[in-house]
C-alpha atoms as a PDB file:
ATOM      1  CA  MET A   1     -13.968 -26.971  10.434  1.00  0.00           C
ATOM      2  CA  ASP A   2     -17.663 -28.014   9.990  1.00  0.00           C
ATOM      3  CA  GLU A   3     -18.599 -27.419   6.390  1.00  0.00           C
ATOM      4  CA  LYS A   4     -21.877 -25.697   7.208  1.00  0.00           C
ATOM      5  CA  LYS A   5     -20.126 -23.310   9.634  1.00  0.00           C
ATOM      6  CA  SER A   6     -17.439 -22.592   7.126  1.00  0.00           C
ATOM      7  CA  PHE A   7     -20.079 -21.719   4.502  1.00  0.00           C
ATOM      8  CA  ASP A   8     -21.857 -19.372   6.896  1.00  0.00           C
ATOM      9  CA  PHE A   9     -18.558 -17.670   7.732  1.00  0.00           C
ATOM     10  CA  TRP A  10     -17.632 -17.053   4.087  1.00  0.00           C
ATOM     11  CA  TYR A  11     -21.165 -16.230   3.038  1.00  0.00           C
ATOM     12  CA  ALA A  12     -21.161 -13.446   5.584  1.00  0.00           C
ATOM     13  CA  VAL A  13     -17.698 -12.175   4.545  1.00  0.00           C
ATOM     14  CA  ASN A  14     -18.464 -12.168   0.853  1.00  0.00           C
ATOM     15  CA  ASN A  15     -21.855 -10.442   1.369  1.00  0.00           C
ATOM     16  CA  THR A  16     -20.577  -7.616   3.586  1.00  0.00           C
ATOM     17  CA  ASP A  17     -20.240  -4.166   1.967  1.00  0.00           C
ATOM     18  CA  ILE A  18     -18.646  -1.290   3.896  1.00  0.00           C
ATOM     19  CA  VAL A  19     -20.912   1.390   2.609  1.00  0.00           C
ATOM     20  CA  LEU A  20     -19.320   4.200   4.643  1.00  0.00           C
ATOM     21  CA  MET A  21     -15.966   3.977   6.498  1.00  0.00           C
ATOM     22  CA  PRO A  22     -15.275   6.087   9.554  1.00  0.00           C
ATOM     23  CA  GLY A  23     -13.580   9.392   8.660  1.00  0.00           C
ATOM     24  CA  ARG A  24     -10.822   8.957  11.256  1.00  0.00           C
ATOM     25  CA  HIS A  25      -8.276   6.312  11.943  1.00  0.00           C
ATOM     26  CA  LEU A  26      -7.992   4.506  15.317  1.00  0.00           C
ATOM     27  CA  GLU A  27      -6.159   6.328  18.122  1.00  0.00           C
ATOM     28  CA  THR A  28      -2.506   5.346  18.447  1.00  0.00           C
ATOM     29  CA  PHE A  29      -2.112   6.143  22.184  1.00  0.00           C
ATOM     30  CA  GLY A  30      -5.580   5.481  23.474  1.00  0.00           C
ATOM     31  CA  SER A  31      -8.812   3.619  22.918  1.00  0.00           C
ATOM     32  CA  THR A  32     -11.366   4.439  20.267  1.00  0.00           C
ATOM     33  CA  VAL A  33     -15.118   3.896  20.231  1.00  0.00           C
ATOM     34  CA  LEU A  34     -16.493   3.194  16.752  1.00  0.00           C
ATOM     35  CA  ASN A  35     -20.247   3.463  16.064  1.00  0.00           C
ATOM     36  CA  TYR A  36     -21.816   1.271  13.438  1.00  0.00           C
ATOM     37  CA  ARG A  37     -25.088   0.886  11.641  1.00  0.00           C
ATOM     38  CA  LEU A  38     -25.518  -2.584  10.166  1.00  0.00           C
ATOM     39  CA  ILE A  39     -28.231  -2.985   7.613  1.00  0.00           C
ATOM     40  CA  SER A  40     -29.452  -6.442   6.545  1.00  0.00           C
ATOM     41  CA  GLU A  41     -32.417  -8.103   4.896  1.00  0.00           C
ATOM     42  CA  MET A  42     -34.275 -10.470   7.193  1.00  0.00           C
ATOM     43  CA  MET A  43     -34.207 -14.029   6.049  1.00  0.00           C
ATOM     44  CA  ASP A  44     -37.415 -15.362   4.350  1.00  0.00           C
ATOM     45  CA  SER A  45     -39.070 -11.917   4.575  1.00  0.00           C
ATOM     46  CA  VAL A  46     -39.665  -9.638   1.623  1.00  0.00           C
ATOM     47  CA  ASN A  47     -38.653  -5.954   2.157  1.00  0.00           C
ATOM     48  CA  GLN A  48     -38.175  -6.496   5.908  1.00  0.00           C
ATOM     49  CA  ILE A  49     -34.867  -4.674   6.761  1.00  0.00           C
ATOM     50  CA  ARG A  50     -33.170  -5.013  10.105  1.00  0.00           C
ATOM     51  CA  VAL A  51     -31.009  -2.126  11.225  1.00  0.00           C
ATOM     52  CA  ARG A  52     -28.609  -2.724  14.112  1.00  0.00           C
ATOM     53  CA  GLU A  53     -26.894   0.086  15.838  1.00  0.00           C
ATOM     54  CA  GLY A  54     -24.038  -0.206  18.355  1.00  0.00           C
ATOM     55  CA  ARG A  55     -20.495   0.429  19.268  1.00  0.00           C
ATOM     56  CA  ILE A  56     -17.143  -1.353  19.032  1.00  0.00           C
ATOM     57  CA  GLN A  57     -14.452  -0.250  21.454  1.00  0.00           C
ATOM     58  CA  ALA A  58     -11.041  -0.584  19.966  1.00  0.00           C
ATOM     59  CA  HIS A  59      -8.271  -0.773  22.590  1.00  0.00           C
ATOM     60  CA  GLN A  60      -4.948   1.046  22.197  1.00  0.00           C
ATOM     61  CA  PRO A  61      -2.767  -0.864  19.738  1.00  0.00           C
ATOM     62  CA  HIS A  62       0.192  -2.717  21.250  1.00  0.00           C
ATOM     63  CA  ILE A  63       3.563  -3.258  19.689  1.00  0.00           C
ATOM     64  CA  ILE A  64       4.229  -6.991  19.582  1.00  0.00           C
ATOM     65  CA  THR A  65       6.734  -9.613  18.325  1.00  0.00           C
ATOM     66  CA  PRO A  66       5.621 -12.674  16.497  1.00  0.00           C
ATOM     67  CA  GLU A  67       6.427 -14.956  19.413  1.00  0.00           C
ATOM     68  CA  ALA A  68       4.271 -12.892  21.746  1.00  0.00           C
ATOM     69  CA  TYR A  69       1.205 -12.759  19.401  1.00  0.00           C
ATOM     70  CA  SER A  70      -1.757 -13.590  21.539  1.00  0.00           C
ATOM     71  CA  GLU A  71      -5.481 -13.988  21.083  1.00  0.00           C
ATOM     72  CA  THR A  72      -7.516 -11.074  19.919  1.00  0.00           C
ATOM     73  CA  ILE A  73     -10.137  -9.886  22.352  1.00  0.00           C
ATOM     74  CA  LEU A  74     -13.553 -11.008  21.042  1.00  0.00           C
ATOM     75  CA  GLU A  75     -15.922 -10.313  23.939  1.00  0.00           C
ATOM     76  CA  GLY A  76     -19.511 -10.304  22.660  1.00  0.00           C
ATOM     77  CA  PHE A  77     -18.700 -11.904  19.296  1.00  0.00           C
ATOM     78  CA  GLY A  78     -19.941 -15.324  18.237  1.00  0.00           C
ATOM     79  CA  GLU A  79     -18.160 -18.493  16.995  1.00  0.00           C
ATOM     80  CA  GLN A  80     -18.398 -17.499  13.286  1.00  0.00           C
ATOM     81  CA  ALA A  81     -16.667 -14.225  14.026  1.00  0.00           C
ATOM     82  CA  GLU A  82     -13.990 -15.966  16.033  1.00  0.00           C
ATOM     83  CA  GLN A  83     -13.306 -18.317  13.145  1.00  0.00           C
ATOM     84  CA  TYR A  84     -12.984 -15.357  10.770  1.00  0.00           C
ATOM     85  CA  VAL A  85     -10.484 -13.698  13.107  1.00  0.00           C
ATOM     86  CA  ASN A  86      -8.411 -16.871  13.276  1.00  0.00           C
ATOM     87  CA  TRP A  87      -8.338 -16.956   9.469  1.00  0.00           C
ATOM     88  CA  LEU A  88      -7.263 -13.279   9.286  1.00  0.00           C
ATOM     89  CA  LYS A  89      -4.422 -13.985  11.759  1.00  0.00           C
ATOM     90  CA  GLN A  90      -3.071 -16.610   9.498  1.00  0.00           C
ATOM     91  CA  HIS A  91      -3.286 -14.623   6.308  1.00  0.00           C
ATOM     92  CA  GLU A  92      -2.667 -10.985   7.318  1.00  0.00           C
ATOM     93  CA  ARG A  93       0.725 -11.140   8.824  1.00  0.00           C
ATOM     94  CA  ASP A  94       1.764  -7.729   7.529  1.00  0.00           C
ATOM     95  CA  ILE A  95      -0.170  -5.908  10.385  1.00  0.00           C
ATOM     96  CA  ARG A  96       0.974  -8.221  13.141  1.00  0.00           C
ATOM     97  CA  ILE A  97       3.569  -5.609  14.159  1.00  0.00           C
ATOM     98  CA  LEU A  98       0.663  -4.124  16.065  1.00  0.00           C
ATOM     99  CA  GLN A  99      -2.016  -5.955  18.000  1.00  0.00           C
ATOM    100  CA  TYR A 100      -5.531  -4.471  17.935  1.00  0.00           C
ATOM    101  CA  GLY A 101      -8.006  -5.619  20.554  1.00  0.00           C
ATOM    102  CA  TYR A 102     -11.652  -4.899  20.448  1.00  0.00           C
ATOM    103  CA  THR A 103     -14.863  -5.456  22.309  1.00  0.00           C
ATOM    104  CA  LEU A 104     -18.420  -5.343  21.197  1.00  0.00           C
ATOM    105  CA  LYS A 105     -20.216  -2.897  23.500  1.00  0.00           C
ATOM    106  CA  GLN A 106     -23.532  -4.580  24.056  1.00  0.00           C
ATOM    107  CA  GLU A 107     -24.842  -1.902  26.414  1.00  0.00           C
ATOM    108  CA  ALA A 108     -25.056   0.477  23.449  1.00  0.00           C
ATOM    109  CA  PHE A 109     -26.799  -2.010  21.086  1.00  0.00           C
ATOM    110  CA  SER A 110     -30.261  -1.604  19.611  1.00  0.00           C
ATOM    111  CA  GLU A 111     -32.142  -2.891  16.542  1.00  0.00           C
ATOM    112  CA  HIS A 112     -35.257  -2.196  14.658  1.00  0.00           C
ATOM    113  CA  VAL A 113     -37.078  -3.444  11.570  1.00  0.00           C
ATOM    114  CA  ILE A 114     -38.122  -1.298   8.603  1.00  0.00           C
ATOM    115  CA  THR A 115     -40.481  -2.276   5.787  1.00  0.00           C
ATOM    116  CA  ASP A 116     -38.775  -0.850   2.634  1.00  0.00           C
ATOM    117  CA  ASN A 117     -36.359  -1.703  -0.191  1.00  0.00           C
ATOM    118  CA  ILE A 118     -32.956  -2.340   1.226  1.00  0.00           C
ATOM    119  CA  GLN A 119     -31.253   0.093  -1.137  1.00  0.00           C
ATOM    120  CA  ASN A 120     -33.576   2.872   0.002  1.00  0.00           C
ATOM    121  CA  VAL A 121     -32.724   2.129   3.650  1.00  0.00           C
ATOM    122  CA  VAL A 122     -28.897   2.003   2.920  1.00  0.00           C
ATOM    123  CA  ASP A 123     -29.008   5.332   0.968  1.00  0.00           C
ATOM    124  CA  ARG A 124     -31.102   7.013   3.685  1.00  0.00           C
ATOM    125  CA  ILE A 125     -28.861   5.875   6.577  1.00  0.00           C
ATOM    126  CA  LYS A 126     -25.645   6.752   4.721  1.00  0.00           C
ATOM    127  CA  GLY A 127     -27.037  10.282   4.091  1.00  0.00           C
ATOM    128  CA  GLU A 128     -27.948  10.670   7.728  1.00  0.00           C
ATOM    129  CA  VAL A 129     -24.431   9.693   8.848  1.00  0.00           C
ATOM    130  CA  GLU A 130     -22.732  11.856   6.257  1.00  0.00           C
ATOM    131  CA  ALA A 131     -24.849  14.855   7.322  1.00  0.00           C
ATOM    132  CA  GLY A 132     -23.832  14.402  10.950  1.00  0.00           C
ATOM    133  CA  ASP A 133     -20.526  15.401  12.554  1.00  0.00           C
ATOM    134  CA  ASP A 134     -19.532  12.016  14.009  1.00  0.00           C
ATOM    135  CA  ARG A 135     -16.414  10.926  12.073  1.00  0.00           C
ATOM    136  CA  LEU A 136     -16.307   7.617  13.878  1.00  0.00           C
ATOM    137  CA  THR A 137     -19.454   6.055  12.512  1.00  0.00           C
ATOM    138  CA  ALA A 138     -19.541   3.397   9.860  1.00  0.00           C
ATOM    139  CA  VAL A 139     -22.406   2.128   7.708  1.00  0.00           C
ATOM    140  CA  VAL A 140     -22.357  -1.524   6.712  1.00  0.00           C
ATOM    141  CA  GLN A 141     -24.630  -3.617   4.509  1.00  0.00           C
ATOM    142  CA  GLY A 142     -24.392  -7.252   5.496  1.00  0.00           C
ATOM    143  CA  VAL A 143     -26.232 -10.475   6.366  1.00  0.00           C
ATOM    144  CA  ASP A 144     -28.741 -11.069   9.146  1.00  0.00           C
ATOM    145  CA  ASP A 145     -26.943 -14.152  10.414  1.00  0.00           C
ATOM    146  CA  PRO A 146     -24.130 -14.432  11.346  1.00  0.00           C
ATOM    147  CA  TRP A 147     -24.136 -10.644  11.510  1.00  0.00           C
ATOM    148  CA  ASP A 148     -21.210 -10.240  13.887  1.00  0.00           C
ATOM    149  CA  VAL A 149     -18.846 -11.563  11.097  1.00  0.00           C
ATOM    150  CA  CYS A 150     -19.833  -8.362   9.232  1.00  0.00           C
ATOM    151  CA  LEU A 151     -18.616  -6.282  12.124  1.00  0.00           C
ATOM    152  CA  VAL A 152     -15.244  -8.160  12.211  1.00  0.00           C
ATOM    153  CA  LYS A 153     -14.832  -7.374   8.501  1.00  0.00           C
ATOM    154  CA  LEU A 154     -15.575  -3.776   9.300  1.00  0.00           C
ATOM    155  CA  PHE A 155     -13.067  -3.655  12.072  1.00  0.00           C
ATOM    156  CA  TRP A 156     -10.473  -5.302   9.995  1.00  0.00           C
ATOM    157  CA  GLU A 157     -10.813  -2.747   7.285  1.00  0.00           C
ATOM    158  CA  VAL A 158     -10.548   0.015   9.896  1.00  0.00           C
ATOM    159  CA  ILE A 159      -7.340  -1.554  11.062  1.00  0.00           C
ATOM    160  CA  ARG A 160      -5.990  -1.548   7.483  1.00  0.00           C
ATOM    161  CA  GLN A 161      -6.840   2.140   7.327  1.00  0.00           C
ATOM    162  CA  SER A 162      -5.271   2.854  10.695  1.00  0.00           C
ATOM    163  CA  ALA A 163      -2.097   0.731  10.742  1.00  0.00           C
ATOM    164  CA  ALA A 164       0.081   2.997   8.574  1.00  0.00           C
ATOM    165  CA  PRO A 165      -0.655   6.272  10.522  1.00  0.00           C
ATOM    166  CA  ASN A 166      -0.415   4.387  13.869  1.00  0.00           C
ATOM    167  CA  ILE A 167       3.016   3.041  12.919  1.00  0.00           C
ATOM    168  CA  ARG A 168       4.166   6.511  11.765  1.00  0.00           C
ATOM    169  CA  GLU A 169       3.214   8.018  15.077  1.00  0.00           C
ATOM    170  CA  LEU A 170       4.951   5.264  16.995  1.00  0.00           C
ATOM    171  CA  GLN A 171       8.020   5.587  14.831  1.00  0.00           C
ATOM    172  CA  LYS A 172       8.067   9.320  15.437  1.00  0.00           C
ATOM    173  CA  ARG A 173       8.238   8.692  19.134  1.00  0.00           C
ATOM    174  CA  ARG A 174      10.904   6.010  18.559  1.00  0.00           C
ATOM    175  CA  MET A 175       8.761   3.280  20.135  1.00  0.00           C
ATOM    176  CA  PHE A 176      10.152   0.546  17.764  1.00  0.00           C
ATOM    177  CA  GLU A 177      13.829   1.091  18.756  1.00  0.00           C
ATOM    178  CA  ASP A 178      15.549  -1.792  20.400  1.00  0.00           C
ATOM    179  CA  ASP A 179      15.839  -1.680  24.134  1.00  0.00           C
ATOM    180  CA  GLY A 180      17.574  -4.783  25.458  1.00  0.00           C
ATOM    181  CA  GLY A 181      16.065  -6.976  22.648  1.00  0.00           C
ATOM    182  CA  VAL A 182      12.591  -5.570  23.223  1.00  0.00           C
ATOM    183  CA  PRO A 183      10.872  -2.570  21.437  1.00  0.00           C
ATOM    184  CA  ARG A 184      10.996   0.603  23.482  1.00  0.00           C
ATOM    185  CA  GLY A 185       7.228   0.884  23.333  1.00  0.00           C
ATOM    186  CA  VAL A 186       6.840  -2.474  25.050  1.00  0.00           C
ATOM    187  CA  ARG A 187       9.245  -1.454  27.778  1.00  0.00           C
ATOM    188  CA  ASN A 188       7.295   1.720  28.291  1.00  0.00           C
ATOM    189  CA  GLU A 189       4.063  -0.161  28.572  1.00  0.00           C
ATOM    190  CA  ILE A 190       5.553  -2.533  31.128  1.00  0.00           C
ATOM    191  CA  GLU A 191       6.933   0.400  33.220  1.00  0.00           C
ATOM    192  CA  ALA A 192       3.535   2.075  33.189  1.00  0.00           C
ATOM    193  CA  ALA A 193       1.977  -1.199  34.331  1.00  0.00           C
ATOM    194  CA  PHE A 194       4.423  -1.470  37.205  1.00  0.00           C
ATOM    195  CA  GLN A 195       3.710   2.074  38.240  1.00  0.00           C
ATOM    196  CA  ALA A 196      -0.053   1.533  38.148  1.00  0.00           C
ATOM    197  CA  ALA A 197       0.282  -1.697  40.218  1.00  0.00           C
ATOM    198  CA  THR A 198       2.481   0.072  42.777  1.00  0.00           C
ATOM    199  CA  LYS A 199      -0.182   2.640  43.296  1.00  0.00           C
ATOM    200  CA  ASP A 200      -3.175   0.278  43.130  1.00  0.00           C
ATOM    201  CA  PRO A 201      -2.689  -3.417  44.205  1.00  0.00           C
ATOM    202  CA  SER A 202      -5.803  -4.410  42.258  1.00  0.00           C
ATOM    203  CA  LYS A 203      -3.826  -3.890  39.096  1.00  0.00           C
ATOM    204  CA  ILE A 204      -1.090  -6.443  39.903  1.00  0.00           C
ATOM    205  CA  GLU A 205      -2.945  -9.163  38.045  1.00  0.00           C
ATOM    206  CA  ALA A 206      -3.126  -6.907  34.957  1.00  0.00           C
ATOM    207  CA  LEU A 207       0.628  -6.384  35.273  1.00  0.00           C
ATOM    208  CA  ALA A 208       1.143 -10.133  35.346  1.00  0.00           C
ATOM    209  CA  HIS A 209      -0.944 -10.550  32.209  1.00  0.00           C
ATOM    210  CA  THR A 210       1.000  -7.870  30.457  1.00  0.00           C
ATOM    211  CA  LEU A 211       4.337  -9.599  31.254  1.00  0.00           C
ATOM    212  CA  GLN A 212       2.940 -12.915  30.097  1.00  0.00           C
ATOM    213  CA  ARG A 213       1.513 -11.469  26.923  1.00  0.00           C
ATOM    214  CA  TYR A 214       4.987 -10.254  25.910  1.00  0.00           C
ATOM    215  CA  SER A 215       6.716 -13.471  27.127  1.00  0.00           C
ATOM    216  CA  LEU A 216       8.811 -11.344  29.462  1.00  0.00           C
ATOM    217  CA  PHE A 217       7.694 -12.567  32.839  1.00  0.00           C
ATOM    218  CA  ASP A 218      11.021 -14.362  33.516  1.00  0.00           C
ATOM    219  CA  GLU A 219      12.931 -11.126  32.912  1.00  0.00           C
ATOM    220  CA  TYR A 220      10.837  -9.133  35.303  1.00  0.00           C
ATOM    221  CA  GLU A 221      10.092 -11.986  37.782  1.00  0.00           C
ATOM    222  CA  ASP A 222      12.217 -10.694  40.662  1.00  0.00           C
ATOM    223  CA  ARG A 223      10.783  -7.178  40.440  1.00  0.00           C
ATOM    224  CA  PHE A 224       7.231  -8.482  40.174  1.00  0.00           C
ATOM    225  CA  PHE A 225       7.426 -10.737  43.245  1.00  0.00           C
ATOM    226  CA  SER A 226       9.171  -7.944  45.160  1.00  0.00           C
ATOM    227  CA  LEU A 227       6.153  -5.813  44.406  1.00  0.00           C
ATOM    228  CA  VAL A 228       3.728  -8.575  45.488  1.00  0.00           C
ATOM    229  CA  ARG A 229       5.680  -9.194  48.764  1.00  0.00           C
ATOM    230  CA  GLY A 230       5.706  -5.492  49.451  1.00  0.00           C
ATOM    231  CA  ARG A 231       1.897  -5.452  49.224  1.00  0.00           C
END
């Protein structure tokens, strides 16, 4: 890895402070939209504070096996953020039992600059969020560049907070039980994908990706091509 890029990556990680975590964990059986307010001092400018506001969409967590572990979705994130995620994959194996994908929702993004002391801005925004009723908003103090690394750190901390309750809810529904060498939750997801593709041919490609993601295409190959021929 290029030394300068590595420095930028770790500089951002080490200078990111999650001021206020969301008050709720990620949904176990559906997607979650997290709102964030990211506060950072502008480079080479005294008391110029940039506030970025936006959303991160967290997709429903999937049960996985190590051999089926695939790339995390990083739409909208930059190279530094991708490098950080790759490092996390190598060093945070304890949460690999579930795969969390996420997308930066650019359509909800905005930013503005405030002239003030950064601590004043942080305290004011934290107070505003705490006074509201949105329990899925986080406040982050980070760097101005590469700022998206700060959001990866936020999301990873949200995953840490969510993994245990997500796993408990899946266990309650017996989704980790073995079903022909595959967790029941995976079988259920594949069945749902087949049903969706049967009703809507445009979802056949998504079905194929699901089978490939779990390395189970060979097992379902005959059924898949029977569906394709039927269409």
